[in-house]
N, C-alpha and C. Protein backbone atom coordinates (compact mmCIF):
# COMPACT_ATOMS: atom_id res chain seq x y z
N MET A 1 289.96 21.56 5.88
CA MET A 1 288.86 20.78 5.37
C MET A 1 288.40 19.82 6.46
N ILE A 2 287.12 19.63 6.53
CA ILE A 2 286.51 18.65 7.43
C ILE A 2 286.23 17.39 6.62
N MET A 3 286.84 16.28 7.04
CA MET A 3 286.67 15.01 6.33
C MET A 3 285.34 14.38 6.74
N HIS A 4 284.62 13.80 5.79
CA HIS A 4 283.40 13.06 6.11
C HIS A 4 283.77 11.70 6.66
N GLU A 5 283.18 11.34 7.79
CA GLU A 5 283.43 10.01 8.35
C GLU A 5 282.87 8.93 7.43
N GLU A 6 281.65 9.14 6.97
CA GLU A 6 281.02 8.19 6.05
C GLU A 6 281.12 8.76 4.63
N LYS A 7 281.98 8.14 3.84
CA LYS A 7 282.15 8.60 2.47
C LYS A 7 281.25 7.77 1.57
N ARG A 8 280.52 8.45 0.67
CA ARG A 8 279.61 7.74 -0.21
C ARG A 8 279.73 8.29 -1.62
N PHE A 9 279.39 7.44 -2.58
CA PHE A 9 279.45 7.88 -3.98
C PHE A 9 278.19 8.66 -4.35
N VAL A 10 278.40 9.68 -5.16
CA VAL A 10 277.32 10.53 -5.66
C VAL A 10 277.48 10.60 -7.17
N ARG A 11 276.41 10.36 -7.90
CA ARG A 11 276.44 10.46 -9.37
C ARG A 11 276.05 11.88 -9.75
N MET A 12 276.89 12.50 -10.58
CA MET A 12 276.56 13.87 -10.99
C MET A 12 276.93 14.09 -12.45
N ALA A 13 276.23 15.05 -13.04
CA ALA A 13 276.51 15.43 -14.43
C ALA A 13 277.90 16.04 -14.49
N TYR A 14 278.59 15.73 -15.54
CA TYR A 14 279.96 16.16 -15.72
C TYR A 14 280.07 16.77 -17.10
N THR A 15 281.20 16.80 -17.69
CA THR A 15 281.44 17.42 -18.99
C THR A 15 280.52 16.89 -20.07
N LYS A 16 279.94 17.79 -20.84
CA LYS A 16 279.10 17.48 -22.01
C LYS A 16 277.95 16.54 -21.69
N GLY A 17 277.35 16.70 -20.51
CA GLY A 17 276.17 15.93 -20.14
C GLY A 17 276.44 14.51 -19.69
N GLN A 18 277.69 14.08 -19.68
CA GLN A 18 278.01 12.75 -19.19
C GLN A 18 277.88 12.72 -17.67
N GLU A 19 277.62 11.54 -17.12
CA GLU A 19 277.55 11.39 -15.67
C GLU A 19 278.73 10.59 -15.17
N GLN A 20 279.12 10.89 -13.94
CA GLN A 20 280.24 10.19 -13.33
C GLN A 20 279.99 10.08 -11.84
N ASP A 21 280.48 8.99 -11.25
CA ASP A 21 280.39 8.82 -9.80
C ASP A 21 281.60 9.47 -9.14
N PHE A 22 281.33 10.25 -8.10
CA PHE A 22 282.37 10.88 -7.30
C PHE A 22 282.15 10.49 -5.84
N LEU A 23 283.24 10.31 -5.13
CA LEU A 23 283.20 9.98 -3.72
C LEU A 23 283.15 11.28 -2.92
N ARG A 24 282.10 11.45 -2.12
CA ARG A 24 281.94 12.64 -1.28
C ARG A 24 282.95 12.53 -0.14
N TRP A 25 284.02 13.31 -0.21
CA TRP A 25 285.19 13.14 0.64
C TRP A 25 285.18 14.03 1.88
N GLY A 26 284.81 15.29 1.74
CA GLY A 26 284.83 16.23 2.86
C GLY A 26 284.18 17.54 2.46
N GLU A 27 284.35 18.53 3.32
CA GLU A 27 283.77 19.84 3.01
C GLU A 27 284.61 20.95 3.58
N PHE A 28 284.51 22.09 2.93
CA PHE A 28 285.14 23.32 3.39
C PHE A 28 284.04 24.22 3.92
N GLN A 29 284.27 24.84 5.07
CA GLN A 29 283.32 25.80 5.63
C GLN A 29 284.02 27.15 5.68
N PHE A 30 283.28 28.20 5.27
CA PHE A 30 283.86 29.53 5.21
C PHE A 30 282.74 30.56 5.26
N LYS A 31 283.11 31.81 5.37
CA LYS A 31 282.15 32.90 5.43
C LYS A 31 282.30 33.78 4.20
N VAL A 32 281.16 34.21 3.66
CA VAL A 32 281.13 35.22 2.62
C VAL A 32 280.27 36.34 3.19
N GLY A 33 280.90 37.46 3.49
CA GLY A 33 280.19 38.52 4.21
C GLY A 33 279.82 37.99 5.59
N ASP A 34 278.55 38.05 5.92
CA ASP A 34 278.06 37.54 7.21
C ASP A 34 277.47 36.15 7.11
N ARG A 35 277.50 35.53 5.94
CA ARG A 35 276.84 34.23 5.74
C ARG A 35 277.84 33.08 5.78
N GLU A 36 277.51 32.06 6.55
CA GLU A 36 278.29 30.83 6.60
C GLU A 36 278.01 30.03 5.33
N GLN A 37 279.06 29.49 4.72
CA GLN A 37 278.93 28.71 3.51
C GLN A 37 279.62 27.36 3.69
N THR A 38 279.15 26.35 3.00
CA THR A 38 279.78 25.04 2.98
C THR A 38 279.86 24.57 1.54
N ILE A 39 281.00 24.04 1.16
CA ILE A 39 281.16 23.51 -0.19
C ILE A 39 281.78 22.11 -0.08
N GLN A 40 281.23 21.19 -0.85
CA GLN A 40 281.66 19.79 -0.79
C GLN A 40 282.90 19.55 -1.64
N ALA A 41 283.73 18.62 -1.19
CA ALA A 41 284.91 18.20 -1.93
C ALA A 41 284.74 16.71 -2.27
N TYR A 42 285.08 16.35 -3.50
CA TYR A 42 284.88 14.99 -3.99
C TYR A 42 286.18 14.43 -4.54
N LYS A 43 286.23 13.11 -4.65
CA LYS A 43 287.31 12.42 -5.34
C LYS A 43 286.69 11.45 -6.33
N SER A 44 287.33 11.29 -7.48
CA SER A 44 286.83 10.29 -8.42
C SER A 44 287.39 8.91 -8.09
N ASP A 45 288.47 8.88 -7.31
CA ASP A 45 289.10 7.63 -6.89
C ASP A 45 289.65 7.86 -5.47
N PRO A 46 289.34 6.99 -4.51
CA PRO A 46 289.79 7.22 -3.13
C PRO A 46 291.30 7.20 -2.94
N THR A 47 292.04 6.64 -3.90
CA THR A 47 293.50 6.57 -3.75
C THR A 47 294.21 7.82 -4.27
N GLU A 48 293.52 8.66 -5.01
CA GLU A 48 294.19 9.84 -5.55
C GLU A 48 294.19 10.97 -4.53
N GLU A 49 295.12 11.89 -4.67
CA GLU A 49 295.25 13.02 -3.77
C GLU A 49 294.37 14.20 -4.17
N ARG A 50 294.05 14.30 -5.45
CA ARG A 50 293.32 15.46 -5.97
C ARG A 50 291.88 15.50 -5.47
N LEU A 51 291.43 16.68 -5.11
CA LEU A 51 290.03 16.92 -4.74
C LEU A 51 289.35 17.68 -5.86
N PHE A 52 288.09 17.37 -6.09
CA PHE A 52 287.27 18.01 -7.12
C PHE A 52 286.18 18.79 -6.39
N ILE A 53 286.08 20.08 -6.67
CA ILE A 53 285.07 20.93 -6.03
C ILE A 53 284.22 21.56 -7.12
N LEU A 54 282.94 21.29 -7.06
CA LEU A 54 281.98 21.78 -8.04
C LEU A 54 281.09 22.82 -7.37
N PHE A 55 280.86 23.94 -8.06
CA PHE A 55 280.01 24.98 -7.48
C PHE A 55 279.37 25.82 -8.58
N ARG A 56 278.36 26.54 -8.18
CA ARG A 56 277.69 27.50 -9.06
C ARG A 56 277.71 28.85 -8.39
N ASP A 57 277.73 29.89 -9.20
CA ASP A 57 277.66 31.25 -8.68
C ASP A 57 276.72 32.06 -9.57
N ALA A 58 276.66 33.34 -9.33
CA ALA A 58 275.71 34.18 -10.06
C ALA A 58 276.01 34.27 -11.55
N THR A 59 277.20 33.89 -11.99
CA THR A 59 277.55 33.99 -13.41
C THR A 59 277.32 32.71 -14.19
N PHE A 60 277.03 31.59 -13.52
CA PHE A 60 276.93 30.32 -14.25
C PHE A 60 275.76 30.37 -15.24
N GLY A 61 276.03 29.87 -16.43
CA GLY A 61 275.02 29.85 -17.48
C GLY A 61 274.88 31.16 -18.23
N LYS A 62 275.48 32.22 -17.73
CA LYS A 62 275.43 33.52 -18.40
C LYS A 62 276.82 33.87 -18.91
N GLU A 63 277.77 33.99 -17.98
CA GLU A 63 279.14 34.34 -18.33
C GLU A 63 280.06 33.12 -18.34
N THR A 64 279.61 32.03 -17.77
CA THR A 64 280.44 30.82 -17.68
C THR A 64 279.63 29.62 -18.13
N TYR A 65 280.26 28.47 -18.14
CA TYR A 65 279.66 27.21 -18.54
C TYR A 65 278.38 26.94 -17.76
N GLY A 66 277.35 26.48 -18.42
CA GLY A 66 276.02 26.32 -17.82
C GLY A 66 275.93 25.33 -16.68
N ALA A 67 276.80 24.33 -16.64
CA ALA A 67 276.74 23.34 -15.56
C ALA A 67 277.36 23.85 -14.27
N GLY A 68 278.09 24.94 -14.32
CA GLY A 68 278.73 25.49 -13.13
C GLY A 68 280.23 25.59 -13.31
N ARG A 69 280.91 25.76 -12.20
CA ARG A 69 282.37 25.89 -12.20
C ARG A 69 282.95 24.77 -11.37
N TYR A 70 284.24 24.53 -11.54
CA TYR A 70 284.88 23.53 -10.70
C TYR A 70 286.34 23.89 -10.46
N LEU A 71 286.87 23.33 -9.41
CA LEU A 71 288.28 23.45 -9.08
C LEU A 71 288.85 22.06 -8.87
N ASP A 72 290.05 21.82 -9.35
CA ASP A 72 290.80 20.63 -9.02
C ASP A 72 291.89 21.06 -8.05
N LEU A 73 291.84 20.57 -6.83
CA LEU A 73 292.87 20.92 -5.85
C LEU A 73 293.89 19.80 -5.76
N GLU A 74 295.14 20.13 -5.95
CA GLU A 74 296.23 19.18 -5.87
C GLU A 74 296.94 19.37 -4.53
N SER A 75 297.16 18.31 -3.78
CA SER A 75 297.73 18.42 -2.43
C SER A 75 299.12 19.04 -2.44
N ASP A 76 299.95 18.73 -3.42
CA ASP A 76 301.31 19.29 -3.44
C ASP A 76 301.36 20.72 -3.95
N ARG A 77 300.31 21.19 -4.58
CA ARG A 77 300.28 22.52 -5.17
C ARG A 77 299.43 23.50 -4.38
N ASP A 78 298.34 23.04 -3.77
CA ASP A 78 297.32 23.94 -3.25
C ASP A 78 297.21 23.95 -1.72
N GLN A 79 298.27 23.65 -1.01
CA GLN A 79 298.23 23.69 0.44
C GLN A 79 298.43 25.12 0.92
N THR A 80 297.79 25.43 2.04
CA THR A 80 297.95 26.75 2.63
C THR A 80 298.77 26.63 3.91
N ALA A 81 299.38 27.71 4.30
CA ALA A 81 300.21 27.72 5.51
C ALA A 81 299.36 27.76 6.76
């Protein structure tokens, strides 16, 4: 993950239309096929270890929840070698 030097709060829609402020913490860069992709990682509190990743794909609103999908990454559980 690439950490953002300047971290700022972003207000976004969350569960059941509620809004919440998240701290824009860093980003992951990866390739899907031949296309470069970037996805943002957020924290709801700068002291916690968990990262929140929100995204949409071709199934959102049809096969999945209309606001999109999300992942909670836990540092002790989701590290890669």
